[in-house]
Amino acid sequence: RHHPDLPVTVFSPYPIPRGLDADHVEYHSALHPLQQKVDVLRK
């Protein structure tokens, strides 16, 4: 609503819902989600 053109990337093992304007990086990890968070910061 406020930034229609700002680049956005979503890291997730799940496909993101249709209609969400963002890039999707398919991300799978055996780490705990709270550990994954720090990992994706580096990516």
PDB file of all heavy atoms in Angstrom:
ATOM      1  N   ARG A   1       0.828  -1.212   0.000  1.00  0.00           N
ATOM      2  CA  ARG A   1       0.000   0.000   0.000  1.00  0.00           C
ATOM      3  C   ARG A   1       0.855   1.252   0.000  1.00  0.00           C
ATOM      4  O   ARG A   1       0.484   2.281  -0.560  1.00  0.00           O
ATOM      5  CB  ARG A   1      -0.936   0.001   1.217  1.00  0.00           C
ATOM      6  CG  ARG A   1      -2.204  -0.804   1.033  1.00  0.00           C
ATOM      7  CD  ARG A   1      -3.239  -0.483   2.091  1.00  0.00           C
ATOM      8  NE  ARG A   1      -2.825  -0.881   3.417  1.00  0.00           N
ATOM      9  CZ  ARG A   1      -3.030  -2.092   3.938  1.00  0.00           C
ATOM     10  NH1 ARG A   1      -3.662  -3.018   3.225  1.00  0.00           N
ATOM     11  NH2 ARG A   1      -2.627  -2.383   5.151  1.00  0.00           N
ATOM     12  N   HIS A   2       1.998   1.182   0.639  1.00  0.00           N
ATOM     13  CA  HIS A   2       2.847   2.363   0.798  1.00  0.00           C
ATOM     14  C   HIS A   2       4.062   2.352  -0.132  1.00  0.00           C
ATOM     15  O   HIS A   2       4.575   3.419  -0.473  1.00  0.00           O
ATOM     16  CB  HIS A   2       3.301   2.472   2.254  1.00  0.00           C
ATOM     17  CG  HIS A   2       2.164   2.530   3.222  1.00  0.00           C
ATOM     18  ND1 HIS A   2       1.380   3.645   3.372  1.00  0.00           N
ATOM     19  CD2 HIS A   2       1.656   1.593   4.064  1.00  0.00           C
ATOM     20  CE1 HIS A   2       0.444   3.410   4.284  1.00  0.00           C
ATOM     21  NE2 HIS A   2       0.596   2.181   4.718  1.00  0.00           N
ATOM     22  N   HIS A   3       4.515   1.159  -0.532  1.00  0.00           N
ATOM     23  CA  HIS A   3       5.706   1.047  -1.373  1.00  0.00           C
ATOM     24  C   HIS A   3       5.475  -0.009  -2.452  1.00  0.00           C
ATOM     25  O   HIS A   3       5.985  -1.133  -2.357  1.00  0.00           O
ATOM     26  CB  HIS A   3       6.926   0.693  -0.525  1.00  0.00           C
ATOM     27  CG  HIS A   3       7.264   1.725   0.499  1.00  0.00           C
ATOM     28  ND1 HIS A   3       7.650   2.999   0.163  1.00  0.00           N
ATOM     29  CD2 HIS A   3       7.233   1.681   1.862  1.00  0.00           C
ATOM     30  CE1 HIS A   3       7.867   3.702   1.274  1.00  0.00           C
ATOM     31  NE2 HIS A   3       7.614   2.931   2.309  1.00  0.00           N
ATOM     32  N   PRO A   4       4.716   0.338  -3.483  1.00  0.00           N
ATOM     33  CA  PRO A   4       4.366  -0.666  -4.494  1.00  0.00           C
ATOM     34  C   PRO A   4       5.547  -1.168  -5.312  1.00  0.00           C
ATOM     35  O   PRO A   4       5.458  -2.246  -5.901  1.00  0.00           O
ATOM     36  CB  PRO A   4       3.358   0.077  -5.383  1.00  0.00           C
ATOM     37  CG  PRO A   4       3.619   1.529  -5.149  1.00  0.00           C
ATOM     38  CD  PRO A   4       4.054   1.643  -3.724  1.00  0.00           C
ATOM     39  N   ASP A   5       6.649  -0.422  -5.353  1.00  0.00           N
ATOM     40  CA  ASP A   5       7.767  -0.798  -6.222  1.00  0.00           C
ATOM     41  C   ASP A   5       9.005  -1.278  -5.467  1.00  0.00           C
ATOM     42  O   ASP A   5      10.025  -1.581  -6.088  1.00  0.00           O
ATOM     43  CB  ASP A   5       8.160   0.391  -7.105  1.00  0.00           C
ATOM     44  CG  ASP A   5       7.015   0.840  -8.000  1.00  0.00           C
ATOM     45  OD1 ASP A   5       6.304  -0.035  -8.529  1.00  0.00           O
ATOM     46  OD2 ASP A   5       6.821   2.065  -8.154  1.00  0.00           O
ATOM     47  N   LEU A   6       8.944  -1.356  -4.157  1.00  0.00           N
ATOM     48  CA  LEU A   6      10.121  -1.760  -3.380  1.00  0.00           C
ATOM     49  C   LEU A   6      10.373  -3.259  -3.568  1.00  0.00           C
ATOM     50  O   LEU A   6       9.459  -4.070  -3.399  1.00  0.00           O
ATOM     51  CB  LEU A   6       9.889  -1.456  -1.895  1.00  0.00           C
ATOM     52  CG  LEU A   6      11.070  -1.704  -0.953  1.00  0.00           C
ATOM     53  CD1 LEU A   6      12.230  -0.768  -1.273  1.00  0.00           C
ATOM     54  CD2 LEU A   6      10.626  -1.505   0.499  1.00  0.00           C
ATOM     55  N   PRO A   7      11.590  -3.659  -3.923  1.00  0.00           N
ATOM     56  CA  PRO A   7      11.872  -5.089  -4.071  1.00  0.00           C
ATOM     57  C   PRO A   7      11.665  -5.848  -2.755  1.00  0.00           C
ATOM     58  O   PRO A   7      12.085  -5.387  -1.688  1.00  0.00           O
ATOM     59  CB  PRO A   7      13.348  -5.118  -4.492  1.00  0.00           C
ATOM     60  CG  PRO A   7      13.600  -3.785  -5.114  1.00  0.00           C
ATOM     61  CD  PRO A   7      12.753  -2.827  -4.325  1.00  0.00           C
ATOM     62  N   VAL A   8      11.023  -6.997  -2.844  1.00  0.00           N
ATOM     63  CA  VAL A   8      10.759  -7.851  -1.681  1.00  0.00           C
ATOM     64  C   VAL A   8      11.073  -9.286  -2.058  1.00  0.00           C
ATOM     65  O   VAL A   8      10.679  -9.760  -3.132  1.00  0.00           O
ATOM     66  CB  VAL A   8       9.294  -7.750  -1.219  1.00  0.00           C
ATOM     67  CG1 VAL A   8       9.030  -8.713  -0.062  1.00  0.00           C
ATOM     68  CG2 VAL A   8       8.938  -6.323  -0.806  1.00  0.00           C
ATOM     69  N   THR A   9      11.766  -9.996  -1.181  1.00  0.00           N
ATOM     70  CA  THR A   9      12.086 -11.405  -1.374  1.00  0.00           C
ATOM     71  C   THR A   9      11.606 -12.200  -0.163  1.00  0.00           C
ATOM     72  O   THR A   9      11.883 -11.819   0.979  1.00  0.00           O
ATOM     73  CB  THR A   9      13.601 -11.609  -1.563  1.00  0.00           C
ATOM     74  OG1 THR A   9      14.032 -10.905  -2.730  1.00  0.00           O
ATOM     75  CG2 THR A   9      13.934 -13.085  -1.715  1.00  0.00           C
ATOM     76  N   VAL A  10      10.913 -13.294  -0.429  1.00  0.00           N
ATOM     77  CA  VAL A  10      10.419 -14.176   0.624  1.00  0.00           C
ATOM     78  C   VAL A  10      11.179 -15.495   0.548  1.00  0.00           C
ATOM     79  O   VAL A  10      11.179 -16.163  -0.493  1.00  0.00           O
ATOM     80  CB  VAL A  10       8.908 -14.441   0.472  1.00  0.00           C
ATOM     81  CG1 VAL A  10       8.428 -15.421   1.547  1.00  0.00           C
ATOM     82  CG2 VAL A  10       8.120 -13.136   0.533  1.00  0.00           C
ATOM     83  N   PHE A  11      11.820 -15.875   1.636  1.00  0.00           N
ATOM     84  CA  PHE A  11      12.476 -17.177   1.754  1.00  0.00           C
ATOM     85  C   PHE A  11      11.497 -18.136   2.418  1.00  0.00           C
ATOM     86  O   PHE A  11      11.037 -17.882   3.542  1.00  0.00           O
ATOM     87  CB  PHE A  11      13.747 -17.065   2.603  1.00  0.00           C
ATOM     88  CG  PHE A  11      14.857 -16.285   1.959  1.00  0.00           C
ATOM     89  CD1 PHE A  11      14.902 -14.901   2.049  1.00  0.00           C
ATOM     90  CD2 PHE A  11      15.866 -16.941   1.266  1.00  0.00           C
ATOM     91  CE1 PHE A  11      15.931 -14.171   1.460  1.00  0.00           C
ATOM     92  CE2 PHE A  11      16.908 -16.228   0.672  1.00  0.00           C
ATOM     93  CZ  PHE A  11      16.931 -14.847   0.769  1.00  0.00           C
ATOM     94  N   SER A  12      11.180 -19.233   1.764  1.00  0.00           N
ATOM     95  CA  SER A  12      10.206 -20.164   2.329  1.00  0.00           C
ATOM     96  C   SER A  12      10.216 -21.478   1.569  1.00  0.00           C
ATOM     97  O   SER A  12      10.436 -21.480   0.351  1.00  0.00           O
ATOM     98  CB  SER A  12       8.799 -19.567   2.287  1.00  0.00           C
ATOM     99  OG  SER A  12       7.848 -20.476   2.824  1.00  0.00           O
ATOM    100  N   PRO A  13       9.939 -22.596   2.242  1.00  0.00           N
ATOM    101  CA  PRO A  13       9.759 -23.850   1.519  1.00  0.00           C
ATOM    102  C   PRO A  13       8.408 -23.914   0.822  1.00  0.00           C
ATOM    103  O   PRO A  13       8.187 -24.776  -0.027  1.00  0.00           O
ATOM    104  CB  PRO A  13       9.851 -24.910   2.623  1.00  0.00           C
ATOM    105  CG  PRO A  13       9.371 -24.201   3.849  1.00  0.00           C
ATOM    106  CD  PRO A  13       9.858 -22.785   3.703  1.00  0.00           C
ATOM    107  N   TYR A  14       7.485 -23.005   1.203  1.00  0.00           N
ATOM    108  CA  TYR A  14       6.135 -23.015   0.643  1.00  0.00           C
ATOM    109  C   TYR A  14       6.023 -22.007  -0.501  1.00  0.00           C
ATOM    110  O   TYR A  14       6.578 -20.911  -0.416  1.00  0.00           O
ATOM    111  CB  TYR A  14       5.111 -22.627   1.707  1.00  0.00           C
ATOM    112  CG  TYR A  14       5.280 -23.310   3.033  1.00  0.00           C
ATOM    113  CD1 TYR A  14       5.584 -22.567   4.172  1.00  0.00           C
ATOM    114  CD2 TYR A  14       5.135 -24.690   3.151  1.00  0.00           C
ATOM    115  CE1 TYR A  14       5.742 -23.188   5.400  1.00  0.00           C
ATOM    116  CE2 TYR A  14       5.293 -25.322   4.385  1.00  0.00           C
ATOM    117  CZ  TYR A  14       5.601 -24.555   5.507  1.00  0.00           C
ATOM    118  OH  TYR A  14       5.761 -25.173   6.720  1.00  0.00           O
ATOM    119  N   PRO A  15       5.279 -22.337  -1.544  1.00  0.00           N
ATOM    120  CA  PRO A  15       4.968 -21.320  -2.553  1.00  0.00           C
ATOM    121  C   PRO A  15       4.184 -20.187  -1.894  1.00  0.00           C
ATOM    122  O   PRO A  15       3.342 -20.437  -1.021  1.00  0.00           O
ATOM    123  CB  PRO A  15       4.101 -22.072  -3.574  1.00  0.00           C
ATOM    124  CG  PRO A  15       4.348 -23.518  -3.308  1.00  0.00           C
ATOM    125  CD  PRO A  15       4.667 -23.643  -1.848  1.00  0.00           C
ATOM    126  N   ILE A  16       4.468 -18.960  -2.268  1.00  0.00           N
ATOM    127  CA  ILE A  16       3.723 -17.851  -1.674  1.00  0.00           C
ATOM    128  C   ILE A  16       2.386 -17.709  -2.386  1.00  0.00           C
ATOM    129  O   ILE A  16       2.255 -18.046  -3.562  1.00  0.00           O
ATOM    130  CB  ILE A  16       4.524 -16.536  -1.699  1.00  0.00           C
ATOM    131  CG1 ILE A  16       4.853 -16.110  -3.137  1.00  0.00           C
ATOM    132  CG2 ILE A  16       5.805 -16.678  -0.888  1.00  0.00           C
ATOM    133  CD1 ILE A  16       5.554 -14.762  -3.208  1.00  0.00           C
ATOM    134  N   PRO A  17       1.365 -17.248  -1.664  1.00  0.00           N
ATOM    135  CA  PRO A  17       0.020 -17.163  -2.258  1.00  0.00           C
ATOM    136  C   PRO A  17      -0.010 -16.272  -3.490  1.00  0.00           C
ATOM    137  O   PRO A  17       0.737 -15.298  -3.593  1.00  0.00           O
ATOM    138  CB  PRO A  17      -0.827 -16.568  -1.121  1.00  0.00           C
ATOM    139  CG  PRO A  17      -0.088 -16.916   0.127  1.00  0.00           C
ATOM    140  CD  PRO A  17       1.361 -16.870  -0.241  1.00  0.00           C
ATOM    141  N   ARG A  18      -0.888 -16.601  -4.414  1.00  0.00           N
ATOM    142  CA  ARG A  18      -1.064 -15.781  -5.606  1.00  0.00           C
ATOM    143  C   ARG A  18      -1.520 -14.380  -5.203  1.00  0.00           C
ATOM    144  O   ARG A  18      -2.264 -14.210  -4.245  1.00  0.00           O
ATOM    145  CB  ARG A  18      -2.110 -16.401  -6.519  1.00  0.00           C
ATOM    146  CG  ARG A  18      -1.644 -17.665  -7.219  1.00  0.00           C
ATOM    147  CD  ARG A  18      -2.641 -18.081  -8.277  1.00  0.00           C
ATOM    148  NE  ARG A  18      -2.180 -19.236  -9.033  1.00  0.00           N
ATOM    149  CZ  ARG A  18      -2.769 -19.693 -10.116  1.00  0.00           C
ATOM    150  NH1 ARG A  18      -3.844 -19.078 -10.589  1.00  0.00           N
ATOM    151  NH2 ARG A  18      -2.291 -20.757 -10.740  1.00  0.00           N
ATOM    152  N   GLY A  19      -1.056 -13.424  -5.970  1.00  0.00           N
ATOM    153  CA  GLY A  19      -1.454 -12.048  -5.704  1.00  0.00           C
ATOM    154  C   GLY A  19      -0.502 -11.301  -4.800  1.00  0.00           C
ATOM    155  O   GLY A  19      -0.611 -10.083  -4.667  1.00  0.00           O
ATOM    156  N   LEU A  20       0.451 -12.014  -4.155  1.00  0.00           N
ATOM    157  CA  LEU A  20       1.447 -11.328  -3.328  1.00  0.00           C
ATOM    158  C   LEU A  20       2.613 -10.923  -4.220  1.00  0.00           C
ATOM    159  O   LEU A  20       3.267 -11.770  -4.840  1.00  0.00           O
ATOM    160  CB  LEU A  20       1.928 -12.228  -2.187  1.00  0.00           C
ATOM    161  CG  LEU A  20       0.907 -12.541  -1.099  1.00  0.00           C
ATOM    162  CD1 LEU A  20       1.585 -13.312   0.029  1.00  0.00           C
ATOM    163  CD2 LEU A  20       0.261 -11.269  -0.546  1.00  0.00           C
ATOM    164  N   ASP A  21       2.873  -9.643  -4.286  1.00  0.00           N
ATOM    165  CA  ASP A  21       3.875  -9.097  -5.189  1.00  0.00           C
ATOM    166  C   ASP A  21       5.246  -9.174  -4.541  1.00  0.00           C
ATOM    167  O   ASP A  21       5.707  -8.237  -3.889  1.00  0.00           O
ATOM    168  CB  ASP A  21       3.510  -7.650  -5.528  1.00  0.00           C
ATOM    169  CG  ASP A  21       4.436  -7.044  -6.566  1.00  0.00           C
ATOM    170  OD1 ASP A  21       5.228  -7.798  -7.163  1.00  0.00           O
ATOM    171  OD2 ASP A  21       4.365  -5.818  -6.768  1.00  0.00           O
ATOM    172  N   ALA A  22       5.890 -10.330  -4.690  1.00  0.00           N
ATOM    173  CA  ALA A  22       7.216 -10.532  -4.102  1.00  0.00           C
ATOM    174  C   ALA A  22       7.921 -11.653  -4.849  1.00  0.00           C
ATOM    175  O   ALA A  22       7.280 -12.517  -5.459  1.00  0.00           O
ATOM    176  CB  ALA A  22       7.106 -10.877  -2.626  1.00  0.00           C
ATOM    177  N   ASP A  23       9.238 -11.638  -4.806  1.00  0.00           N
ATOM    178  CA  ASP A  23      10.028 -12.749  -5.316  1.00  0.00           C
ATOM    179  C   ASP A  23      10.064 -13.844  -4.266  1.00  0.00           C
ATOM    180  O   ASP A  23      10.072 -13.570  -3.060  1.00  0.00           O
ATOM    181  CB  ASP A  23      11.446 -12.288  -5.628  1.00  0.00           C
ATOM    182  CG  ASP A  23      11.484 -11.265  -6.741  1.00  0.00           C
ATOM    183  OD1 ASP A  23      11.020 -11.576  -7.847  1.00  0.00           O
ATOM    184  OD2 ASP A  23      11.949 -10.143  -6.490  1.00  0.00           O
ATOM    185  N   HIS A  24      10.109 -15.085  -4.723  1.00  0.00           N
ATOM    186  CA  HIS A  24      10.147 -16.224  -3.815  1.00  0.00           C
ATOM    187  C   HIS A  24      11.442 -16.994  -4.032  1.00  0.00           C
ATOM    188  O   HIS A  24      11.757 -17.386  -5.152  1.00  0.00           O
ATOM    189  CB  HIS A  24       8.945 -17.146  -4.060  1.00  0.00           C
ATOM    190  CG  HIS A  24       8.995 -18.418  -3.276  1.00  0.00           C
ATOM    191  ND1 HIS A  24       8.752 -19.655  -3.832  1.00  0.00           N
ATOM    192  CD2 HIS A  24       9.283 -18.643  -1.974  1.00  0.00           C
ATOM    193  CE1 HIS A  24       8.877 -20.578  -2.900  1.00  0.00           C
ATOM    194  NE2 HIS A  24       9.203 -19.996  -1.758  1.00  0.00           N
ATOM    195  N   VAL A  25      12.188 -17.178  -2.938  1.00  0.00           N
ATOM    196  CA  VAL A  25      13.353 -18.054  -2.958  1.00  0.00           C
ATOM    197  C   VAL A  25      12.965 -19.330  -2.230  1.00  0.00           C
ATOM    198  O   VAL A  25      12.614 -19.296  -1.040  1.00  0.00           O
ATOM    199  CB  VAL A  25      14.574 -17.395  -2.281  1.00  0.00           C
ATOM    200  CG1 VAL A  25      15.709 -18.400  -2.153  1.00  0.00           C
ATOM    201  CG2 VAL A  25      15.036 -16.182  -3.070  1.00  0.00           C
ATOM    202  N   GLU A  26      12.989 -20.451  -2.939  1.00  0.00           N
ATOM    203  CA  GLU A  26      12.644 -21.726  -2.309  1.00  0.00           C
ATOM    204  C   GLU A  26      13.753 -22.096  -1.332  1.00  0.00           C
ATOM    205  O   GLU A  26      14.899 -22.326  -1.725  1.00  0.00           O
ATOM    206  CB  GLU A  26      12.469 -22.806  -3.375  1.00  0.00           C
ATOM    207  CG  GLU A  26      11.882 -24.086  -2.825  1.00  0.00           C
ATOM    208  CD  GLU A  26      11.496 -25.069  -3.919  1.00  0.00           C
ATOM    209  OE1 GLU A  26      11.148 -24.603  -5.034  1.00  0.00           O
ATOM    210  OE2 GLU A  26      11.549 -26.271  -3.663  1.00  0.00           O
ATOM    211  N   TYR A  27      13.385 -22.136  -0.070  1.00  0.00           N
ATOM    212  CA  TYR A  27      14.387 -22.298   0.992  1.00  0.00           C
ATOM    213  C   TYR A  27      13.972 -23.456   1.887  1.00  0.00           C
ATOM    214  O   TYR A  27      12.909 -23.424   2.517  1.00  0.00           O
ATOM    215  CB  TYR A  27      14.490 -21.000   1.800  1.00  0.00           C
ATOM    216  CG  TYR A  27      15.378 -21.087   3.018  1.00  0.00           C
ATOM    217  CD1 TYR A  27      16.765 -21.065   2.904  1.00  0.00           C
ATOM    218  CD2 TYR A  27      14.830 -21.194   4.294  1.00  0.00           C
ATOM    219  CE1 TYR A  27      17.580 -21.157   4.021  1.00  0.00           C
ATOM    220  CE2 TYR A  27      15.638 -21.272   5.415  1.00  0.00           C
ATOM    221  CZ  TYR A  27      17.011 -21.257   5.275  1.00  0.00           C
ATOM    222  OH  TYR A  27      17.813 -21.350   6.393  1.00  0.00           O
ATOM    223  N   HIS A  28      14.804 -24.484   1.915  1.00  0.00           N
ATOM    224  CA  HIS A  28      14.562 -25.655   2.763  1.00  0.00           C
ATOM    225  C   HIS A  28      15.723 -25.790   3.734  1.00  0.00           C
ATOM    226  O   HIS A  28      16.894 -25.646   3.348  1.00  0.00           O
ATOM    227  CB  HIS A  28      14.449 -26.924   1.912  1.00  0.00           C
ATOM    228  CG  HIS A  28      13.304 -26.909   0.950  1.00  0.00           C
ATOM    229  ND1 HIS A  28      12.047 -27.343   1.273  1.00  0.00           N
ATOM    230  CD2 HIS A  28      13.240 -26.487  -0.348  1.00  0.00           C
ATOM    231  CE1 HIS A  28      11.242 -27.213   0.231  1.00  0.00           C
ATOM    232  NE2 HIS A  28      11.944 -26.688  -0.770  1.00  0.00           N
ATOM    233  N   SER A  29      15.432 -26.084   4.973  1.00  0.00           N
ATOM    234  CA  SER A  29      16.483 -26.217   5.973  1.00  0.00           C
ATOM    235  C   SER A  29      15.989 -27.116   7.097  1.00  0.00           C
ATOM    236  O   SER A  29      14.812 -27.057   7.483  1.00  0.00           O
ATOM    237  CB  SER A  29      16.872 -24.845   6.538  1.00  0.00           C
ATOM    238  OG  SER A  29      17.801 -24.986   7.589  1.00  0.00           O
ATOM    239  N   ALA A  30      16.903 -27.931   7.613  1.00  0.00           N
ATOM    240  CA  ALA A  30      16.585 -28.780   8.758  1.00  0.00           C
ATOM    241  C   ALA A  30      16.763 -28.035  10.081  1.00  0.00           C
ATOM    242  O   ALA A  30      16.461 -28.574  11.148  1.00  0.00           O
ATOM    243  CB  ALA A  30      17.474 -30.027   8.738  1.00  0.00           C
ATOM    244  N   LEU A  31      17.236 -26.794  10.008  1.00  0.00           N
ATOM    245  CA  LEU A  31      17.450 -26.017  11.220  1.00  0.00           C
ATOM    246  C   LEU A  31      16.127 -25.613  11.853  1.00  0.00           C
ATOM    247  O   LEU A  31      15.085 -25.549  11.194  1.00  0.00           O
ATOM    248  CB  LEU A  31      18.248 -24.748  10.900  1.00  0.00           C
ATOM    249  CG  LEU A  31      19.683 -24.940  10.414  1.00  0.00           C
ATOM    250  CD1 LEU A  31      20.241 -23.604   9.923  1.00  0.00           C
ATOM    251  CD2 LEU A  31      20.557 -25.506  11.525  1.00  0.00           C
ATOM    252  N   HIS A  32      16.163 -25.308  13.139  1.00  0.00           N
ATOM    253  CA  HIS A  32      15.019 -24.718  13.831  1.00  0.00           C
ATOM    254  C   HIS A  32      14.683 -23.393  13.149  1.00  0.00           C
ATOM    255  O   HIS A  32      15.584 -22.665  12.718  1.00  0.00           O
ATOM    256  CB  HIS A  32      15.382 -24.485  15.300  1.00  0.00           C
ATOM    257  CG  HIS A  32      14.248 -24.082  16.173  1.00  0.00           C
ATOM    258  ND1 HIS A  32      13.667 -22.830  16.122  1.00  0.00           N
ATOM    259  CD2 HIS A  32      13.574 -24.763  17.148  1.00  0.00           C
ATOM    260  CE1 HIS A  32      12.709 -22.749  17.017  1.00  0.00           C
ATOM    261  NE2 HIS A  32      12.618 -23.913  17.643  1.00  0.00           N
ATOM    262  N   PRO A  33      13.383 -23.031  13.019  1.00  0.00           N
ATOM    263  CA  PRO A  33      13.040 -21.766  12.367  1.00  0.00           C
ATOM    264  C   PRO A  33      13.758 -20.547  12.942  1.00  0.00           C
ATOM    265  O   PRO A  33      14.074 -19.611  12.189  1.00  0.00           O
ATOM    266  CB  PRO A  33      11.527 -21.667  12.572  1.00  0.00           C
ATOM    267  CG  PRO A  33      11.071 -23.082  12.597  1.00  0.00           C
ATOM    268  CD  PRO A  33      12.172 -23.825  13.325  1.00  0.00           C
ATOM    269  N   LEU A  34      14.038 -20.538  14.244  1.00  0.00           N
ATOM    270  CA  LEU A  34      14.724 -19.399  14.847  1.00  0.00           C
ATOM    271  C   LEU A  34      16.209 -19.390  14.497  1.00  0.00           C
ATOM    272  O   LEU A  34      16.866 -18.357  14.613  1.00  0.00           O
ATOM    273  CB  LEU A  34      14.519 -19.390  16.364  1.00  0.00           C
ATOM    274  CG  LEU A  34      13.065 -19.190  16.806  1.00  0.00           C
ATOM    275  CD1 LEU A  34      12.929 -19.413  18.306  1.00  0.00           C
ATOM    276  CD2 LEU A  34      12.571 -17.799  16.431  1.00  0.00           C
ATOM    277  N   GLN A  35      16.737 -20.530  14.057  1.00  0.00           N
ATOM    278  CA  GLN A  35      18.096 -20.578  13.511  1.00  0.00           C
ATOM    279  C   GLN A  35      18.084 -20.224  12.021  1.00  0.00           C
ATOM    280  O   GLN A  35      18.994 -19.556  11.530  1.00  0.00           O
ATOM    281  CB  GLN A  35      18.682 -21.971  13.728  1.00  0.00           C
ATOM    282  CG  GLN A  35      18.852 -22.346  15.203  1.00  0.00           C
ATOM    283  CD  GLN A  35      19.184 -23.817  15.395  1.00  0.00           C
ATOM    284  OE1 GLN A  35      18.690 -24.675  14.657  1.00  0.00           O
ATOM    285  NE2 GLN A  35      19.990 -24.120  16.398  1.00  0.00           N
ATOM    286  N   GLN A  36      17.034 -20.668  11.341  1.00  0.00           N
ATOM    287  CA  GLN A  36      16.908 -20.329   9.920  1.00  0.00           C
ATOM    288  C   GLN A  36      16.896 -18.816   9.704  1.00  0.00           C
ATOM    289  O   GLN A  36      17.426 -18.315   8.707  1.00  0.00           O
ATOM    290  CB  GLN A  36      15.614 -20.917   9.358  1.00  0.00           C
ATOM    291  CG  GLN A  36      15.593 -22.425   9.260  1.00  0.00           C
ATOM    292  CD  GLN A  36      14.285 -22.933   8.698  1.00  0.00           C
ATOM    293  OE1 GLN A  36      13.701 -22.317   7.808  1.00  0.00           O
ATOM    294  NE2 GLN A  36      13.804 -24.056   9.211  1.00  0.00           N
ATOM    295  N   LYS A  37      16.281 -18.105  10.632  1.00  0.00           N
ATOM    296  CA  LYS A  37      16.187 -16.652  10.495  1.00  0.00           C
ATOM    297  C   LYS A  37      17.561 -16.022  10.299  1.00  0.00           C
ATOM    298  O   LYS A  37      17.748 -15.183   9.405  1.00  0.00           O
ATOM    299  CB  LYS A  37      15.491 -16.059  11.718  1.00  0.00           C
ATOM    300  CG  LYS A  37      15.462 -14.542  11.750  1.00  0.00           C
ATOM    301  CD  LYS A  37      14.678 -14.050  12.947  1.00  0.00           C
ATOM    302  CE  LYS A  37      14.820 -12.560  13.143  1.00  0.00           C
ATOM    303  NZ  LYS A  37      13.990 -12.059  14.268  1.00  0.00           N
ATOM    304  N   VAL A  38      18.519 -16.427  11.118  1.00  0.00           N
ATOM    305  CA  VAL A  38      19.855 -15.841  11.005  1.00  0.00           C
ATOM    306  C   VAL A  38      20.514 -16.300   9.711  1.00  0.00           C
ATOM    307  O   VAL A  38      21.258 -15.551   9.081  1.00  0.00           O
ATOM    308  CB  VAL A  38      20.708 -16.197  12.233  1.00  0.00           C
ATOM    309  CG1 VAL A  38      22.033 -15.442  12.193  1.00  0.00           C
ATOM    310  CG2 VAL A  38      19.965 -15.865  13.534  1.00  0.00           C
ATOM    311  N   ASP A  39      20.225 -17.514   9.289  1.00  0.00           N
ATOM    312  CA  ASP A  39      20.788 -18.014   8.040  1.00  0.00           C
ATOM    313  C   ASP A  39      20.329 -17.171   6.854  1.00  0.00           C
ATOM    314  O   ASP A  39      21.143 -16.791   6.006  1.00  0.00           O
ATOM    315  CB  ASP A  39      20.372 -19.468   7.847  1.00  0.00           C
ATOM    316  CG  ASP A  39      21.046 -20.114   6.647  1.00  0.00           C
ATOM    317  OD1 ASP A  39      22.197 -19.746   6.338  1.00  0.00           O
ATOM    318  OD2 ASP A  39      20.424 -20.987   6.020  1.00  0.00           O
ATOM    319  N   VAL A  40      19.029 -16.865   6.765  1.00  0.00           N
ATOM    320  CA  VAL A  40      18.557 -16.132   5.580  1.00  0.00           C
ATOM    321  C   VAL A  40      19.047 -14.692   5.573  1.00  0.00           C
ATOM    322  O   VAL A  40      19.163 -14.088   4.496  1.00  0.00           O
ATOM    323  CB  VAL A  40      17.015 -16.187   5.432  1.00  0.00           C
ATOM    324  CG1 VAL A  40      16.530 -17.618   5.309  1.00  0.00           C
ATOM    325  CG2 VAL A  40      16.300 -15.443   6.539  1.00  0.00           C
ATOM    326  N   LEU A  41      19.362 -14.132   6.730  1.00  0.00           N
ATOM    327  CA  LEU A  41      19.948 -12.788   6.729  1.00  0.00           C
ATOM    328  C   LEU A  41      21.230 -12.781   5.900  1.00  0.00           C
ATOM    329  O   LEU A  41      21.522 -11.817   5.195  1.00  0.00           O
ATOM    330  CB  LEU A  41      20.253 -12.329   8.157  1.00  0.00           C
ATOM    331  CG  LEU A  41      19.082 -12.192   9.128  1.00  0.00           C
ATOM    332  CD1 LEU A  41      19.592 -11.735  10.495  1.00  0.00           C
ATOM    333  CD2 LEU A  41      18.020 -11.234   8.614  1.00  0.00           C
ATOM    334  N   ARG A  42      21.978 -13.881   5.980  1.00  0.00           N
ATOM    335  CA  ARG A  42      23.242 -13.981   5.242  1.00  0.00           C
ATOM    336  C   ARG A  42      23.028 -14.223   3.751  1.00  0.00           C
ATOM    337  O   ARG A  42      23.963 -14.107   2.961  1.00  0.00           O
ATOM    338  CB  ARG A  42      24.088 -15.115   5.821  1.00  0.00           C
ATOM    339  CG  ARG A  42      24.292 -15.025   7.330  1.00  0.00           C
ATOM    340  CD  ARG A  42      25.215 -16.098   7.856  1.00  0.00           C
ATOM    341  NE  ARG A  42      24.815 -17.431   7.426  1.00  0.00           N
ATOM    342  CZ  ARG A  42      25.649 -18.474   7.384  1.00  0.00           C
ATOM    343  NH1 ARG A  42      26.918 -18.320   7.706  1.00  0.00           N
ATOM    344  NH2 ARG A  42      25.207 -19.661   7.019  1.00  0.00           N
ATOM    345  N   LYS A  43      21.813 -14.571   3.358  1.00  0.00           N
ATOM    346  CA  LYS A  43      21.520 -14.900   1.969  1.00  0.00           C
ATOM    347  C   LYS A  43      20.779 -13.781   1.240  1.00  0.00           C
ATOM    348  O   LYS A  43      20.348 -13.953   0.097  1.00  0.00           O
ATOM    349  CB  LYS A  43      20.676 -16.184   1.914  1.00  0.00           C
ATOM    350  CG  LYS A  43      21.364 -17.400   2.527  1.00  0.00           C
ATOM    351  CD  LYS A  43      20.471 -18.629   2.461  1.00  0.00           C
ATOM    352  CE  LYS A  43      21.091 -19.808   3.193  1.00  0.00           C
ATOM    353  NZ  LYS A  43      22.397 -20.221   2.664  1.00  0.00           N
TER     354      LYS A  43
END
